[in-house]
Every structure is written in C-alpha cells, then in structure tokens.
Amino acid sequence: MKLTSKIFVTLFGIGLFPFAPGTLASIATVIIWYFYIKIFPFFSFIILIIILTILAYLLTRIYIRDIKDKDPKEIVIDEAIGQSMPLMFLNVNSDLYIIMVAFVTFRFFDIFKVYPINLSENLPGAIGIIADDIVAGIYSIIVLMIFKLLIF
C-alpha cells in the first residue's frame, strides 16, 4: 500500500522531479483537464476531483505516516486538486489566456501562501497538506471570476 500511495501522491512520479514539481503537476493537471473535458461530460470532472480529493487525503495519510517532514515536496496530488478548482469554472471553449489566468493565479497563491492559505497549511497531517491548495484554488476562482467580469 505504501508504493501505491507514493505513486498516487507524487502524481505518477512528477513530484520526484528535482525542479518545480508543484508547477509541473499544475501544468500536467491543465493538460489532463483539457483533454478530459473534450472526451467526457463536464460534470464528471467535478465528480472526479471530489473522488481524487478523498483518495488524496487517505493515501497522503499513509505516505506521511513514517516521514518526519510535515509537507514533503514530492507530494503534488494536492497541487493537482487545487489547480483543478479554477478549471471547474472553465470549459473546452475557453480562450488560452483565461486558462493561463487560472494557472498563474493558482500558482501565485500556492507559492506565496497569502492569508489564510498560510494558516490552513499549518493544519496537522494530510489535511494541512491538501487544505492550503484548496484555499489557493478558491482564491484563484475569485480572481478568475473578477477577471472574466472585467474582460467580458
């Protein structure tokens, strides 16, 4: 089960890259999202993210059980979940610049951990690892909606 959790929480090894694994996981998420919504109904993406979040929590708990680091850098499934949140508000016909806004704003909030993202990161265990990315995703949604209102 430990190997399964490692494969999942590192997003099939993306988290093991030595440079910017979180950004790489976000890029991979945008690419997967784009092709996913071309093939499957949009609503199924939301269900998929809910299922992934539950699995991420359970498998992150297993993965960090024997690790001293409270937020290991190789865990990037949380970035995939957080990046997916603003993508839920886009569709396959969204312009590239809107997709870039969703990507850049999520990465900004995930990296700089503005309040209260910094507080959610301090929650214990798997909840803390995942919660900060969910809050960063929510902030990204807010900025994305404001951007869309101003542009359209």
Foldseek 3Di string as FASTA:
>chain_A
DLVVLLCLQLVNVLLVDPPPSQLVLLVVLLVCLLVVQVPDPLVVLVVVLVVLLVVQLVSQQVNCVPPPDQADSSGRSLSSSLLVLLVSVDHNPDDPVLNVLSSVQLVVCLVVVPPPLVVLCPDGTSRNNNVSSNVSSVVSNVVSVVVVVVVD
